[in-house]
Amino acid sequence: MLAVRPALPSEYGAIGDLTASTYLDEGLAGADYAATLRDVPARAAETTVLVAELDGRLVGSVTVATRGGPYAEQAEPGTAVLRMLVTDPRARGAGVGTALVEAAVATARTDGCLVVRLSTKATMTAAHRIYERLGFTRTPARDWSPLPDLMLLTYELPLAFCGHCGEPGAHEQCRRKLVLDPPRYCSGCRRRMVVQVHPTGWSARCVEHGTLTS
């Protein structure tokens, strides 16, 4: 049985070993990054570290930063950042990576984040398929290079959309307009809402998420 949960301190060593060995063995990181991959206590102090168990055996991990800090890659407030997704090669094909990303997204929602972002190497094609299947989209304008010889691709998954303009996130100018006007877009799915204005208020209906009323 596959289960995902927060990591226990007693598991930090095993998580670090799995992450470092997998990244190094598969050419996803250099030896100079191994110490960072192994230092689970440091990132657990700043983030949420999740683990996947398959039949009682630790088979994967992901880090999700929802409160800013050194593991959030300079993300703005309200943004969650996924880091260091890893699956034990012996457990590939069991849905471990998908379950970890889904749990990380759920953590971001619980912590009130509006969008989830991540950076990935072009060679991490298996991870890309997971992200895209779960609704993440490429954001080429955010691609960046932390080192001269390393280019990282970026993805994002909006968790909430502006009810006024339909764009991801919340915007102060739109928020002021929504004090008086009904929302035009569903905050959960970005669908255009069916709006009706009444003498005493308004209603806005999304075919997927129901009706809001003033």
C-alpha atoms as a PDB file:
ATOM      1  CA  MET A   1       0.000   0.000   0.000  1.00  0.00           C
ATOM      2  CA  LEU A   2       1.281   3.483  -0.939  1.00  0.00           C
ATOM      3  CA  ALA A   3       1.015   6.315   1.598  1.00  0.00           C
ATOM      4  CA  VAL A   4       2.444   9.850   1.766  1.00  0.00           C
ATOM      5  CA  ARG A   5       3.003  11.700   5.045  1.00  0.00           C
ATOM      6  CA  PRO A   6       5.344  14.199   6.719  1.00  0.00           C
ATOM      7  CA  ALA A   7       8.824  12.856   7.352  1.00  0.00           C
ATOM      8  CA  LEU A   8       9.918  11.860  10.834  1.00  0.00           C
ATOM      9  CA  PRO A   9      13.256  13.095  12.201  1.00  0.00           C
ATOM     10  CA  SER A  10      14.365   9.488  12.506  1.00  0.00           C
ATOM     11  CA  GLU A  11      13.992   9.184   8.713  1.00  0.00           C
ATOM     12  CA  TYR A  12      16.086  12.219   7.750  1.00  0.00           C
ATOM     13  CA  GLY A  13      19.223  10.174   7.202  1.00  0.00           C
ATOM     14  CA  ALA A  14      17.500   7.667   4.914  1.00  0.00           C
ATOM     15  CA  ILE A  15      15.832  10.470   2.958  1.00  0.00           C
ATOM     16  CA  GLY A  16      19.145  12.236   2.472  1.00  0.00           C
ATOM     17  CA  ASP A  17      20.856   9.034   1.349  1.00  0.00           C
ATOM     18  CA  LEU A  18      18.070   8.216  -1.129  1.00  0.00           C
ATOM     19  CA  THR A  19      17.971  11.736  -2.550  1.00  0.00           C
ATOM     20  CA  ALA A  20      21.718  12.139  -2.926  1.00  0.00           C
ATOM     21  CA  SER A  21      22.399   8.677  -4.304  1.00  0.00           C
ATOM     22  CA  THR A  22      19.570   8.844  -6.842  1.00  0.00           C
ATOM     23  CA  TYR A  23      20.442  12.328  -8.081  1.00  0.00           C
ATOM     24  CA  LEU A  24      24.147  11.493  -8.372  1.00  0.00           C
ATOM     25  CA  ASP A  25      23.715   8.017  -9.882  1.00  0.00           C
ATOM     26  CA  GLU A  26      21.344   9.350 -12.546  1.00  0.00           C
ATOM     27  CA  GLY A  27      23.464  12.380 -13.388  1.00  0.00           C
ATOM     28  CA  LEU A  28      20.902  14.861 -12.070  1.00  0.00           C
ATOM     29  CA  ALA A  29      23.343  16.624  -9.743  1.00  0.00           C
ATOM     30  CA  GLY A  30      27.071  16.954  -9.261  1.00  0.00           C
ATOM     31  CA  ALA A  31      29.112  15.827  -6.282  1.00  0.00           C
ATOM     32  CA  ASP A  32      29.325  19.422  -5.056  1.00  0.00           C
ATOM     33  CA  TYR A  33      25.555  19.376  -4.442  1.00  0.00           C
ATOM     34  CA  ALA A  34      25.495  16.079  -2.545  1.00  0.00           C
ATOM     35  CA  ALA A  35      25.865  17.671   0.888  1.00  0.00           C
ATOM     36  CA  THR A  36      22.812  19.880   0.246  1.00  0.00           C
ATOM     37  CA  LEU A  37      20.761  16.898  -0.906  1.00  0.00           C
ATOM     38  CA  ARG A  38      21.699  14.955   2.233  1.00  0.00           C
ATOM     39  CA  ASP A  39      21.012  17.811   4.658  1.00  0.00           C
ATOM     40  CA  VAL A  40      17.380  16.980   5.396  1.00  0.00           C
ATOM     41  CA  PRO A  41      17.421  18.496   8.922  1.00  0.00           C
ATOM     42  CA  ALA A  42      18.282  21.904   7.478  1.00  0.00           C
ATOM     43  CA  ARG A  43      15.447  21.916   4.963  1.00  0.00           C
ATOM     44  CA  ALA A  44      12.966  20.342   7.383  1.00  0.00           C
ATOM     45  CA  ALA A  45      13.511  23.351   9.658  1.00  0.00           C
ATOM     46  CA  GLU A  46      12.378  25.695   6.855  1.00  0.00           C
ATOM     47  CA  THR A  47       9.926  23.589   4.815  1.00  0.00           C
ATOM     48  CA  THR A  48       7.656  20.568   4.852  1.00  0.00           C
ATOM     49  CA  VAL A  49       9.439  17.351   3.890  1.00  0.00           C
ATOM     50  CA  LEU A  50       7.108  14.585   2.752  1.00  0.00           C
ATOM     51  CA  VAL A  51       7.899  10.906   2.353  1.00  0.00           C
ATOM     52  CA  ALA A  52       6.227   8.089   0.459  1.00  0.00           C
ATOM     53  CA  GLU A  53       5.961   4.626   1.958  1.00  0.00           C
ATOM     54  CA  LEU A  54       5.199   1.539  -0.112  1.00  0.00           C
ATOM     55  CA  ASP A  55       4.315  -1.509   1.986  1.00  0.00           C
ATOM     56  CA  GLY A  56       6.153   0.050   4.915  1.00  0.00           C
ATOM     57  CA  ARG A  57       9.320   0.888   2.970  1.00  0.00           C
ATOM     58  CA  LEU A  58      10.481   4.477   2.358  1.00  0.00           C
ATOM     59  CA  VAL A  59      10.463   4.921  -1.434  1.00  0.00           C
ATOM     60  CA  GLY A  60      10.424   8.652  -2.105  1.00  0.00           C
ATOM     61  CA  SER A  61      10.413  12.191  -0.851  1.00  0.00           C
ATOM     62  CA  VAL A  62       9.661  15.761  -1.857  1.00  0.00           C
ATOM     63  CA  THR A  63      10.255  19.100  -0.174  1.00  0.00           C
ATOM     64  CA  VAL A  64       7.652  21.884  -0.364  1.00  0.00           C
ATOM     65  CA  ALA A  65       8.498  25.409   0.777  1.00  0.00           C
ATOM     66  CA  THR A  66       5.378  27.449   1.553  1.00  0.00           C
ATOM     67  CA  ARG A  67       6.754  30.087   3.919  1.00  0.00           C
ATOM     68  CA  GLY A  68       9.556  31.627   1.907  1.00  0.00           C
ATOM     69  CA  GLY A  69      13.073  31.147   3.171  1.00  0.00           C
ATOM     70  CA  PRO A  70      16.246  29.763   1.577  1.00  0.00           C
ATOM     71  CA  TYR A  71      14.532  26.811  -0.130  1.00  0.00           C
ATOM     72  CA  ALA A  72      11.849  28.913  -1.819  1.00  0.00           C
ATOM     73  CA  GLU A  73      14.148  30.176  -4.598  1.00  0.00           C
ATOM     74  CA  GLN A  74      13.218  33.818  -3.955  1.00  0.00           C
ATOM     75  CA  ALA A  75       9.518  33.145  -4.442  1.00  0.00           C
ATOM     76  CA  GLU A  76       7.066  35.926  -3.680  1.00  0.00           C
ATOM     77  CA  PRO A  77       4.577  35.588  -0.782  1.00  0.00           C
ATOM     78  CA  GLY A  78       1.749  33.175  -1.515  1.00  0.00           C
ATOM     79  CA  THR A  79       3.923  30.922  -3.662  1.00  0.00           C
ATOM     80  CA  ALA A  80       4.864  27.346  -2.798  1.00  0.00           C
ATOM     81  CA  VAL A  81       8.035  25.861  -4.284  1.00  0.00           C
ATOM     82  CA  LEU A  82       8.602  22.136  -4.850  1.00  0.00           C
ATOM     83  CA  ARG A  83      12.143  20.891  -4.372  1.00  0.00           C
ATOM     84  CA  MET A  84      14.102  17.641  -4.495  1.00  0.00           C
ATOM     85  CA  LEU A  85      11.455  15.208  -5.743  1.00  0.00           C
ATOM     86  CA  VAL A  86      12.934  11.711  -5.641  1.00  0.00           C
ATOM     87  CA  THR A  87      11.628   8.172  -6.144  1.00  0.00           C
ATOM     88  CA  ASP A  88      13.526   5.006  -5.320  1.00  0.00           C
ATOM     89  CA  PRO A  89      14.412   3.470  -8.724  1.00  0.00           C
ATOM     90  CA  ARG A  90      13.158   0.092  -7.448  1.00  0.00           C
ATOM     91  CA  ALA A  91       9.677   1.579  -6.895  1.00  0.00           C
ATOM     92  CA  ARG A  92       9.281   3.323 -10.244  1.00  0.00           C
ATOM     93  CA  GLY A  93       5.951   2.669 -11.918  1.00  0.00           C
ATOM     94  CA  ALA A  94       4.020   2.417  -8.636  1.00  0.00           C
ATOM     95  CA  GLY A  95       2.730   6.002  -8.712  1.00  0.00           C
ATOM     96  CA  VAL A  96       5.147   7.258  -6.072  1.00  0.00           C
ATOM     97  CA  GLY A  97       6.128  10.486  -7.832  1.00  0.00           C
ATOM     98  CA  THR A  98       2.528  11.371  -8.636  1.00  0.00           C
ATOM     99  CA  ALA A  99       1.417  10.748  -5.054  1.00  0.00           C
ATOM    100  CA  LEU A 100       4.241  12.915  -3.687  1.00  0.00           C
ATOM    101  CA  VAL A 101       3.449  15.845  -5.990  1.00  0.00           C
ATOM    102  CA  GLU A 102      -0.266  15.596  -5.216  1.00  0.00           C
ATOM    103  CA  ALA A 103       0.494  15.663  -1.489  1.00  0.00           C
ATOM    104  CA  ALA A 104       2.829  18.632  -1.948  1.00  0.00           C
ATOM    105  CA  VAL A 105       0.094  20.548  -3.790  1.00  0.00           C
ATOM    106  CA  ALA A 106      -2.353  19.699  -0.996  1.00  0.00           C
ATOM    107  CA  THR A 107       0.159  21.048   1.540  1.00  0.00           C
ATOM    108  CA  ALA A 108       0.442  24.273  -0.442  1.00  0.00           C
ATOM    109  CA  ARG A 109      -3.350  24.658  -0.450  1.00  0.00           C
ATOM    110  CA  THR A 110      -3.547  24.033   3.290  1.00  0.00           C
ATOM    111  CA  ASP A 111      -0.877  26.671   3.899  1.00  0.00           C
ATOM    112  CA  GLY A 112      -2.859  29.232   1.874  1.00  0.00           C
ATOM    113  CA  CYS A 113      -0.622  29.431  -1.174  1.00  0.00           C
ATOM    114  CA  LEU A 114      -2.033  30.724  -4.456  1.00  0.00           C
ATOM    115  CA  VAL A 115       0.395  29.045  -6.849  1.00  0.00           C
ATOM    116  CA  VAL A 116       2.922  26.187  -6.839  1.00  0.00           C
ATOM    117  CA  ARG A 117       6.153  26.591  -8.790  1.00  0.00           C
ATOM    118  CA  LEU A 118       9.169  24.406  -9.413  1.00  0.00           C
ATOM    119  CA  SER A 119      12.443  24.318 -11.307  1.00  0.00           C
ATOM    120  CA  THR A 120      13.708  21.246 -13.122  1.00  0.00           C
ATOM    121  CA  LYS A 121      16.472  20.149 -15.444  1.00  0.00           C
ATOM    122  CA  ALA A 122      15.658  19.431 -19.065  1.00  0.00           C
ATOM    123  CA  THR A 123      16.798  15.832 -18.579  1.00  0.00           C
ATOM    124  CA  MET A 124      14.214  15.098 -15.858  1.00  0.00           C
ATOM    125  CA  THR A 125      11.640  14.013 -18.405  1.00  0.00           C
ATOM    126  CA  ALA A 126       9.871  11.477 -16.157  1.00  0.00           C
ATOM    127  CA  ALA A 127       9.189  14.221 -13.614  1.00  0.00           C
ATOM    128  CA  HIS A 128       7.991  16.548 -16.388  1.00  0.00           C
ATOM    129  CA  ARG A 129       5.341  14.005 -17.380  1.00  0.00           C
ATOM    130  CA  ILE A 130       4.074  13.905 -13.789  1.00  0.00           C
ATOM    131  CA  TYR A 131       3.888  17.682 -13.554  1.00  0.00           C
ATOM    132  CA  GLU A 132       2.062  18.066 -16.849  1.00  0.00           C
ATOM    133  CA  ARG A 133      -0.383  15.270 -16.047  1.00  0.00           C
ATOM    134  CA  LEU A 134      -1.273  17.049 -12.796  1.00  0.00           C
ATOM    135  CA  GLY A 135      -1.933  20.359 -14.538  1.00  0.00           C
ATOM    136  CA  PHE A 136       1.395  22.188 -14.252  1.00  0.00           C
ATOM    137  CA  THR A 137       2.314  24.304 -17.271  1.00  0.00           C
ATOM    138  CA  ARG A 138       5.668  25.553 -18.509  1.00  0.00           C
ATOM    139  CA  THR A 139       6.659  29.131 -17.700  1.00  0.00           C
ATOM    140  CA  PRO A 140       9.614  29.817 -20.012  1.00  0.00           C
ATOM    141  CA  ALA A 141       9.818  33.463 -18.955  1.00  0.00           C
ATOM    142  CA  ARG A 142      10.836  32.256 -15.481  1.00  0.00           C
ATOM    143  CA  ASP A 143      13.560  29.830 -16.646  1.00  0.00           C
ATOM    144  CA  TRP A 144      16.802  30.658 -14.887  1.00  0.00           C
ATOM    145  CA  SER A 145      20.415  29.703 -14.502  1.00  0.00           C
ATOM    146  CA  PRO A 146      21.757  29.334 -10.941  1.00  0.00           C
ATOM    147  CA  LEU A 147      25.174  28.397 -12.364  1.00  0.00           C
ATOM    148  CA  PRO A 148      26.833  29.412 -15.625  1.00  0.00           C
ATOM    149  CA  ASP A 149      26.523  25.911 -17.106  1.00  0.00           C
ATOM    150  CA  LEU A 150      23.091  25.025 -15.686  1.00  0.00           C
ATOM    151  CA  MET A 151      19.735  26.122 -17.118  1.00  0.00           C
ATOM    152  CA  LEU A 152      16.595  25.239 -15.175  1.00  0.00           C
ATOM    153  CA  LEU A 153      13.153  24.971 -16.725  1.00  0.00           C
ATOM    154  CA  THR A 154      10.183  26.174 -14.682  1.00  0.00           C
ATOM    155  CA  TYR A 155       6.595  25.037 -14.223  1.00  0.00           C
ATOM    156  CA  GLU A 156       3.664  26.428 -12.274  1.00  0.00           C
ATOM    157  CA  LEU A 157       0.250  25.296 -11.051  1.00  0.00           C
ATOM    158  CA  PRO A 158      -2.181  28.067 -10.020  1.00  0.00           C
ATOM    159  CA  LEU A 159      -4.205  27.128  -6.954  1.00  0.00           C
ATOM    160  CA  ALA A 160      -6.491  30.166  -7.120  1.00  0.00           C
ATOM    161  CA  PHE A 161      -7.495  32.655  -9.790  1.00  0.00           C
ATOM    162  CA  CYS A 162      -8.536  36.264  -9.494  1.00  0.00           C
ATOM    163  CA  GLY A 163     -12.318  36.576  -9.622  1.00  0.00           C
ATOM    164  CA  HIS A 164     -12.085  39.873 -11.491  1.00  0.00           C
ATOM    165  CA  CYS A 165      -9.425  39.342 -14.192  1.00  0.00           C
ATOM    166  CA  GLY A 166      -9.075  35.551 -14.197  1.00  0.00           C
ATOM    167  CA  GLU A 167      -5.296  35.626 -13.816  1.00  0.00           C
ATOM    168  CA  PRO A 168      -3.508  33.499 -11.189  1.00  0.00           C
ATOM    169  CA  GLY A 169      -3.225  34.957  -7.732  1.00  0.00           C
ATOM    170  CA  ALA A 170      -4.815  37.893  -5.932  1.00  0.00           C
ATOM    171  CA  HIS A 171      -4.373  41.520  -6.993  1.00  0.00           C
ATOM    172  CA  GLU A 172      -5.051  44.566  -4.834  1.00  0.00           C
ATOM    173  CA  GLN A 173      -6.609  46.579  -7.670  1.00  0.00           C
ATOM    174  CA  CYS A 174      -8.957  43.709  -8.553  1.00  0.00           C
ATOM    175  CA  ARG A 175      -9.787  43.121  -4.898  1.00  0.00           C
ATOM    176  CA  ARG A 176     -11.041  46.707  -4.600  1.00  0.00           C
ATOM    177  CA  LYS A 177     -13.281  46.246  -7.639  1.00  0.00           C
ATOM    178  CA  LEU A 178     -14.707  43.014  -6.245  1.00  0.00           C
ATOM    179  CA  VAL A 179     -15.935  44.866  -3.169  1.00  0.00           C
ATOM    180  CA  LEU A 180     -18.749  46.251  -5.336  1.00  0.00           C
ATOM    181  CA  ASP A 181     -18.803  44.107  -8.473  1.00  0.00           C
ATOM    182  CA  PRO A 182     -19.602  40.388  -8.823  1.00  0.00           C
ATOM    183  CA  PRO A 183     -16.740  38.065  -9.792  1.00  0.00           C
ATOM    184  CA  ARG A 184     -16.379  37.309 -13.481  1.00  0.00           C
ATOM    185  CA  TYR A 185     -14.213  34.209 -13.106  1.00  0.00           C
ATOM    186  CA  CYS A 186     -14.294  31.185 -10.816  1.00  0.00           C
ATOM    187  CA  SER A 187     -11.383  31.316  -8.381  1.00  0.00           C
ATOM    188  CA  GLY A 188     -11.103  27.531  -8.425  1.00  0.00           C
ATOM    189  CA  CYS A 189     -11.005  26.748 -12.141  1.00  0.00           C
ATOM    190  CA  ARG A 190     -10.850  30.079 -14.047  1.00  0.00           C
ATOM    191  CA  ARG A 191     -14.091  29.399 -15.892  1.00  0.00           C
ATOM    192  CA  ARG A 192     -16.120  32.432 -16.915  1.00  0.00           C
ATOM    193  CA  MET A 193     -19.032  32.668 -14.509  1.00  0.00           C
ATOM    194  CA  VAL A 194     -22.686  33.294 -15.366  1.00  0.00           C
ATOM    195  CA  VAL A 195     -23.515  36.523 -13.536  1.00  0.00           C
ATOM    196  CA  GLN A 196     -26.946  37.849 -12.675  1.00  0.00           C
ATOM    197  CA  VAL A 197     -27.471  41.218 -10.986  1.00  0.00           C
ATOM    198  CA  HIS A 198     -30.569  41.646  -8.817  1.00  0.00           C
ATOM    199  CA  PRO A 199     -32.018  44.729  -7.135  1.00  0.00           C
ATOM    200  CA  THR A 200     -30.633  43.516  -3.821  1.00  0.00           C
ATOM    201  CA  GLY A 201     -27.372  41.899  -4.937  1.00  0.00           C
ATOM    202  CA  TRP A 202     -25.924  39.444  -7.442  1.00  0.00           C
ATOM    203  CA  SER A 203     -25.220  35.773  -8.117  1.00  0.00           C
ATOM    204  CA  ALA A 204     -22.293  34.255 -10.033  1.00  0.00           C
ATOM    205  CA  ARG A 205     -22.480  30.613 -11.116  1.00  0.00           C
ATOM    206  CA  CYS A 206     -19.645  28.286 -12.148  1.00  0.00           C
ATOM    207  CA  VAL A 207     -20.743  25.073 -13.866  1.00  0.00           C
ATOM    208  CA  GLU A 208     -18.070  23.180 -11.911  1.00  0.00           C
ATOM    209  CA  HIS A 209     -18.019  24.836  -8.481  1.00  0.00           C
ATOM    210  CA  GLY A 210     -21.532  26.170  -7.929  1.00  0.00           C
ATOM    211  CA  THR A 211     -22.994  29.593  -7.185  1.00  0.00           C
ATOM    212  CA  LEU A 212     -21.769  32.575  -5.184  1.00  0.00           C
ATOM    213  CA  THR A 213     -24.199  35.226  -3.985  1.00  0.00           C
ATOM    214  CA  SER A 214     -23.795  38.659  -2.493  1.00  0.00           C
END
